[in-house]
């Protein structure tokens, strides 16, 4: 029994690890943060339009974008699906139209400013520049249907592509 106890006690000393020295190294850790964005555009509803009224019909819509902090981006808008002849990306001649075989057209404009002086187009020069802060940012699109357009009764609509380039 004494010999067996001595063997067990001796083998326990062999299983314990002992360290005599150390060495140090470094591990490089890196990543890259890429610019990333999302965008959504709310609907713009002008309500009812009275072609006999002597005042313009104004409305607004909210565009929300979220981009990586510190990044620069540009929001542009197409001329829409019912653009009038002569429309260009820099000078869009937007219109809403009625459904049916012989549609009617109702002209309107989109602007980047509340004074409705700067047309919101589909070029770098006519888009809205933004600097991202990493959180959701809201931008207002200002719309106007000019007064006294001659159109019949009906439901008019259009679809405008809103693009965020970064």
C-alpha atoms as a PDB file:
ATOM      1  CA  UNK A   1       0.000   0.000   0.000  1.00  0.00           C
ATOM      2  CA  UNK A   2       2.857   2.366   0.768  1.00  0.00           C
ATOM      3  CA  UNK A   3       4.471   1.628  -2.598  1.00  0.00           C
ATOM      4  CA  UNK A   4       1.184   2.215  -4.498  1.00  0.00           C
ATOM      5  CA  UNK A   5       0.644   5.516  -2.689  1.00  0.00           C
ATOM      6  CA  UNK A   6       4.168   6.618  -3.594  1.00  0.00           C
ATOM      7  CA  UNK A   7       3.601   5.768  -7.271  1.00  0.00           C
ATOM      8  CA  UNK A   8       0.281   7.715  -7.384  1.00  0.00           C
ATOM      9  CA  UNK A   9       1.834  10.703  -5.599  1.00  0.00           C
ATOM     10  CA  UNK A  10       4.800  10.696  -7.947  1.00  0.00           C
ATOM     11  CA  UNK A  11       2.659  10.509 -11.081  1.00  0.00           C
ATOM     12  CA  UNK A  12       0.606  13.515  -9.957  1.00  0.00           C
ATOM     13  CA  UNK A  13       3.749  15.607 -10.010  1.00  0.00           C
ATOM     14  CA  UNK A  14       4.434  14.514 -13.613  1.00  0.00           C
ATOM     15  CA  UNK A  15       0.998  15.689 -14.865  1.00  0.00           C
ATOM     16  CA  UNK A  16       1.372  19.245 -13.567  1.00  0.00           C
ATOM     17  CA  UNK A  17       2.749  21.653 -16.205  1.00  0.00           C
ATOM     18  CA  UNK A  18       5.531  23.968 -15.229  1.00  0.00           C
ATOM     19  CA  UNK A  19       6.688  26.911 -17.318  1.00  0.00           C
ATOM     20  CA  UNK A  20      10.204  28.208 -17.377  1.00  0.00           C
ATOM     21  CA  UNK A  21       9.935  31.165 -19.857  1.00  0.00           C
ATOM     22  CA  UNK A  22       7.512  33.318 -21.905  1.00  0.00           C
ATOM     23  CA  UNK A  23       7.436  34.754 -25.396  1.00  0.00           C
ATOM     24  CA  UNK A  24       5.248  37.595 -26.711  1.00  0.00           C
ATOM     25  CA  UNK A  25       3.853  38.248 -30.172  1.00  0.00           C
ATOM     26  CA  UNK A  26       1.304  40.624 -31.690  1.00  0.00           C
ATOM     27  CA  UNK A  27      -1.796  39.936 -33.681  1.00  0.00           C
ATOM     28  CA  UNK A  28      -2.889  42.500 -36.280  1.00  0.00           C
ATOM     29  CA  UNK A  29      -6.623  43.242 -36.237  1.00  0.00           C
ATOM     30  CA  UNK A  30      -8.271  45.350 -38.939  1.00  0.00           C
ATOM     31  CA  UNK A  31     -11.452  46.026 -40.887  1.00  0.00           C
ATOM     32  CA  UNK A  32     -12.722  48.582 -43.343  1.00  0.00           C
ATOM     33  CA  UNK A  33     -15.985  50.462 -43.023  1.00  0.00           C
ATOM     34  CA  UNK A  34     -17.684  50.936 -46.353  1.00  0.00           C
ATOM     35  CA  UNK A  35     -20.212  53.595 -47.160  1.00  0.00           C
ATOM     36  CA  UNK A  36     -23.697  52.184 -46.936  1.00  0.00           C
ATOM     37  CA  UNK A  37     -27.065  53.922 -47.313  1.00  0.00           C
ATOM     38  CA  UNK A  38     -30.798  53.343 -47.336  1.00  0.00           C
ATOM     39  CA  UNK A  39     -33.526  55.644 -48.639  1.00  0.00           C
ATOM     40  CA  UNK A  40     -37.300  55.803 -48.514  1.00  0.00           C
ATOM     41  CA  UNK A  41     -39.692  58.368 -49.950  1.00  0.00           C
ATOM     42  CA  UNK A  42     -43.101  59.196 -48.580  1.00  0.00           C
ATOM     43  CA  UNK A  43     -46.069  59.921 -50.825  1.00  0.00           C
ATOM     44  CA  UNK A  44     -46.875  63.453 -51.964  1.00  0.00           C
ATOM     45  CA  UNK A  45     -50.598  64.125 -51.988  1.00  0.00           C
ATOM     46  CA  UNK A  46     -51.817  67.427 -53.391  1.00  0.00           C
ATOM     47  CA  UNK A  47     -55.398  66.774 -52.351  1.00  0.00           C
ATOM     48  CA  UNK A  48     -57.985  68.305 -54.684  1.00  0.00           C
ATOM     49  CA  UNK A  49     -56.935  70.614 -57.498  1.00  0.00           C
ATOM     50  CA  UNK A  50     -59.291  73.328 -58.715  1.00  0.00           C
ATOM     51  CA  UNK A  51     -58.305  74.461 -62.224  1.00  0.00           C
ATOM     52  CA  UNK A  52     -60.392  77.632 -61.814  1.00  0.00           C
ATOM     53  CA  UNK A  53     -58.565  78.712 -58.660  1.00  0.00           C
ATOM     54  CA  UNK A  54     -56.163  81.604 -58.907  1.00  0.00           C
ATOM     55  CA  UNK A  55     -53.655  79.980 -56.537  1.00  0.00           C
ATOM     56  CA  UNK A  56     -51.038  77.277 -56.907  1.00  0.00           C
ATOM     57  CA  UNK A  57     -51.632  73.947 -55.169  1.00  0.00           C
ATOM     58  CA  UNK A  58     -48.676  73.088 -52.887  1.00  0.00           C
ATOM     59  CA  UNK A  59     -47.744  69.869 -51.076  1.00  0.00           C
ATOM     60  CA  UNK A  60     -44.720  68.243 -49.427  1.00  0.00           C
ATOM     61  CA  UNK A  61     -43.292  64.769 -48.955  1.00  0.00           C
ATOM     62  CA  UNK A  62     -40.569  63.448 -46.668  1.00  0.00           C
ATOM     63  CA  UNK A  63     -37.525  61.577 -47.919  1.00  0.00           C
ATOM     64  CA  UNK A  64     -35.581  59.660 -45.266  1.00  0.00           C
ATOM     65  CA  UNK A  65     -32.020  58.454 -45.721  1.00  0.00           C
ATOM     66  CA  UNK A  66     -29.586  56.737 -43.415  1.00  0.00           C
ATOM     67  CA  UNK A  67     -25.924  56.556 -44.412  1.00  0.00           C
ATOM     68  CA  UNK A  68     -22.607  55.700 -42.802  1.00  0.00           C
ATOM     69  CA  UNK A  69     -21.406  58.654 -40.727  1.00  0.00           C
ATOM     70  CA  UNK A  70     -19.178  61.129 -42.528  1.00  0.00           C
ATOM     71  CA  UNK A  71     -20.143  59.985 -46.004  1.00  0.00           C
ATOM     72  CA  UNK A  72     -21.328  62.275 -48.757  1.00  0.00           C
ATOM     73  CA  UNK A  73     -24.291  61.438 -50.970  1.00  0.00           C
ATOM     74  CA  UNK A  74     -26.651  63.019 -53.483  1.00  0.00           C
ATOM     75  CA  UNK A  75     -30.418  62.565 -53.762  1.00  0.00           C
ATOM     76  CA  UNK A  76     -31.837  62.949 -57.268  1.00  0.00           C
ATOM     77  CA  UNK A  77     -35.337  62.562 -58.710  1.00  0.00           C
ATOM     78  CA  UNK A  78     -36.423  61.364 -62.122  1.00  0.00           C
ATOM     79  CA  UNK A  79     -38.823  63.278 -64.361  1.00  0.00           C
ATOM     80  CA  UNK A  80     -41.471  60.672 -63.556  1.00  0.00           C
ATOM     81  CA  UNK A  81     -43.415  58.255 -65.711  1.00  0.00           C
ATOM     82  CA  UNK A  82     -45.554  60.940 -67.370  1.00  0.00           C
ATOM     83  CA  UNK A  83     -42.847  63.476 -68.239  1.00  0.00           C
ATOM     84  CA  UNK A  84     -43.808  65.913 -70.958  1.00  0.00           C
ATOM     85  CA  UNK A  85     -42.010  66.335 -74.301  1.00  0.00           C
ATOM     86  CA  UNK A  86     -38.810  68.338 -73.939  1.00  0.00           C
ATOM     87  CA  UNK A  87     -38.173  67.101 -70.395  1.00  0.00           C
ATOM     88  CA  UNK A  88     -34.532  66.532 -69.441  1.00  0.00           C
ATOM     89  CA  UNK A  89     -32.780  65.236 -66.340  1.00  0.00           C
ATOM     90  CA  UNK A  90     -31.680  68.753 -65.414  1.00  0.00           C
ATOM     91  CA  UNK A  91     -34.992  70.445 -66.330  1.00  0.00           C
ATOM     92  CA  UNK A  92     -37.714  67.857 -65.706  1.00  0.00           C
ATOM     93  CA  UNK A  93     -41.156  68.694 -67.089  1.00  0.00           C
ATOM     94  CA  UNK A  94     -43.176  66.517 -64.751  1.00  0.00           C
ATOM     95  CA  UNK A  95     -46.843  65.723 -65.157  1.00  0.00           C
ATOM     96  CA  UNK A  96     -49.459  63.528 -63.585  1.00  0.00           C
ATOM     97  CA  UNK A  97     -51.847  61.772 -65.941  1.00  0.00           C
ATOM     98  CA  UNK A  98     -55.196  60.095 -65.880  1.00  0.00           C
ATOM     99  CA  UNK A  99     -55.639  56.430 -66.697  1.00  0.00           C
ATOM    100  CA  UNK A 100     -57.442  55.428 -69.839  1.00  0.00           C
ATOM    101  CA  UNK A 101     -56.992  55.349 -73.563  1.00  0.00           C
ATOM    102  CA  UNK A 102     -56.746  59.139 -73.966  1.00  0.00           C
ATOM    103  CA  UNK A 103     -55.030  60.402 -70.814  1.00  0.00           C
ATOM    104  CA  UNK A 104     -55.042  64.012 -69.676  1.00  0.00           C
ATOM    105  CA  UNK A 105     -51.918  65.587 -68.197  1.00  0.00           C
ATOM    106  CA  UNK A 106     -51.541  67.933 -65.241  1.00  0.00           C
ATOM    107  CA  UNK A 107     -48.141  69.603 -64.884  1.00  0.00           C
ATOM    108  CA  UNK A 108     -46.362  69.879 -61.538  1.00  0.00           C
ATOM    109  CA  UNK A 109     -42.895  70.667 -60.177  1.00  0.00           C
ATOM    110  CA  UNK A 110     -40.676  69.336 -57.377  1.00  0.00           C
ATOM    111  CA  UNK A 111     -38.274  71.594 -55.493  1.00  0.00           C
ATOM    112  CA  UNK A 112     -35.514  71.260 -52.905  1.00  0.00           C
ATOM    113  CA  UNK A 113     -36.479  74.475 -51.072  1.00  0.00           C
ATOM    114  CA  UNK A 114     -39.561  75.833 -49.301  1.00  0.00           C
ATOM    115  CA  UNK A 115     -39.592  78.916 -51.565  1.00  0.00           C
ATOM    116  CA  UNK A 116     -40.029  76.534 -54.514  1.00  0.00           C
ATOM    117  CA  UNK A 117     -37.261  78.217 -56.466  1.00  0.00           C
ATOM    118  CA  UNK A 118     -34.748  75.368 -56.950  1.00  0.00           C
ATOM    119  CA  UNK A 119     -36.060  72.512 -59.121  1.00  0.00           C
ATOM    120  CA  UNK A 120     -35.139  69.025 -57.886  1.00  0.00           C
ATOM    121  CA  UNK A 121     -33.742  67.191 -60.891  1.00  0.00           C
ATOM    122  CA  UNK A 122     -31.905  64.044 -61.836  1.00  0.00           C
ATOM    123  CA  UNK A 123     -28.338  65.338 -62.246  1.00  0.00           C
ATOM    124  CA  UNK A 124     -25.459  66.016 -59.887  1.00  0.00           C
ATOM    125  CA  UNK A 125     -26.049  69.760 -60.236  1.00  0.00           C
ATOM    126  CA  UNK A 126     -29.829  69.565 -59.626  1.00  0.00           C
ATOM    127  CA  UNK A 127     -29.806  66.929 -56.874  1.00  0.00           C
ATOM    128  CA  UNK A 128     -29.724  67.475 -53.115  1.00  0.00           C
ATOM    129  CA  UNK A 129     -26.292  66.992 -51.509  1.00  0.00           C
ATOM    130  CA  UNK A 130     -26.191  65.458 -48.035  1.00  0.00           C
ATOM    131  CA  UNK A 131     -23.512  64.732 -45.457  1.00  0.00           C
ATOM    132  CA  UNK A 132     -24.363  61.623 -43.491  1.00  0.00           C
ATOM    133  CA  UNK A 133     -24.219  61.517 -39.700  1.00  0.00           C
ATOM    134  CA  UNK A 134     -25.033  57.825 -39.233  1.00  0.00           C
ATOM    135  CA  UNK A 135     -28.639  58.429 -38.196  1.00  0.00           C
ATOM    136  CA  UNK A 136     -31.857  58.757 -40.160  1.00  0.00           C
ATOM    137  CA  UNK A 137     -32.061  62.169 -41.816  1.00  0.00           C
ATOM    138  CA  UNK A 138     -35.283  63.647 -43.176  1.00  0.00           C
ATOM    139  CA  UNK A 139     -35.435  65.892 -46.221  1.00  0.00           C
ATOM    140  CA  UNK A 140     -38.508  67.634 -47.563  1.00  0.00           C
ATOM    141  CA  UNK A 141     -39.542  67.571 -51.203  1.00  0.00           C
ATOM    142  CA  UNK A 142     -41.690  70.593 -52.023  1.00  0.00           C
ATOM    143  CA  UNK A 143     -44.278  70.178 -54.763  1.00  0.00           C
ATOM    144  CA  UNK A 144     -46.401  72.616 -56.691  1.00  0.00           C
ATOM    145  CA  UNK A 145     -49.178  72.283 -59.255  1.00  0.00           C
ATOM    146  CA  UNK A 146     -49.274  75.639 -61.064  1.00  0.00           C
ATOM    147  CA  UNK A 147     -52.627  77.416 -61.023  1.00  0.00           C
ATOM    148  CA  UNK A 148     -55.207  77.576 -63.801  1.00  0.00           C
ATOM    149  CA  UNK A 149     -54.266  74.514 -65.868  1.00  0.00           C
ATOM    150  CA  UNK A 150     -57.067  73.381 -68.156  1.00  0.00           C
ATOM    151  CA  UNK A 151     -57.920  69.768 -67.350  1.00  0.00           C
ATOM    152  CA  UNK A 152     -61.077  67.741 -66.955  1.00  0.00           C
ATOM    153  CA  UNK A 153     -62.210  65.927 -63.846  1.00  0.00           C
ATOM    154  CA  UNK A 154     -60.371  62.714 -63.014  1.00  0.00           C
ATOM    155  CA  UNK A 155     -57.725  61.102 -60.891  1.00  0.00           C
ATOM    156  CA  UNK A 156     -54.184  62.100 -61.854  1.00  0.00           C
ATOM    157  CA  UNK A 157     -51.020  60.318 -60.730  1.00  0.00           C
ATOM    158  CA  UNK A 158     -47.321  59.903 -61.443  1.00  0.00           C
ATOM    159  CA  UNK A 159     -44.394  57.890 -60.099  1.00  0.00           C
ATOM    160  CA  UNK A 160     -40.999  59.504 -59.543  1.00  0.00           C
ATOM    161  CA  UNK A 161     -37.811  57.502 -58.900  1.00  0.00           C
ATOM    162  CA  UNK A 162     -35.818  58.846 -55.963  1.00  0.00           C
ATOM    163  CA  UNK A 163     -32.145  57.833 -56.148  1.00  0.00           C
ATOM    164  CA  UNK A 164     -29.425  58.122 -53.516  1.00  0.00           C
ATOM    165  CA  UNK A 165     -25.935  58.062 -55.016  1.00  0.00           C
ATOM    166  CA  UNK A 166     -22.960  57.569 -52.684  1.00  0.00           C
END
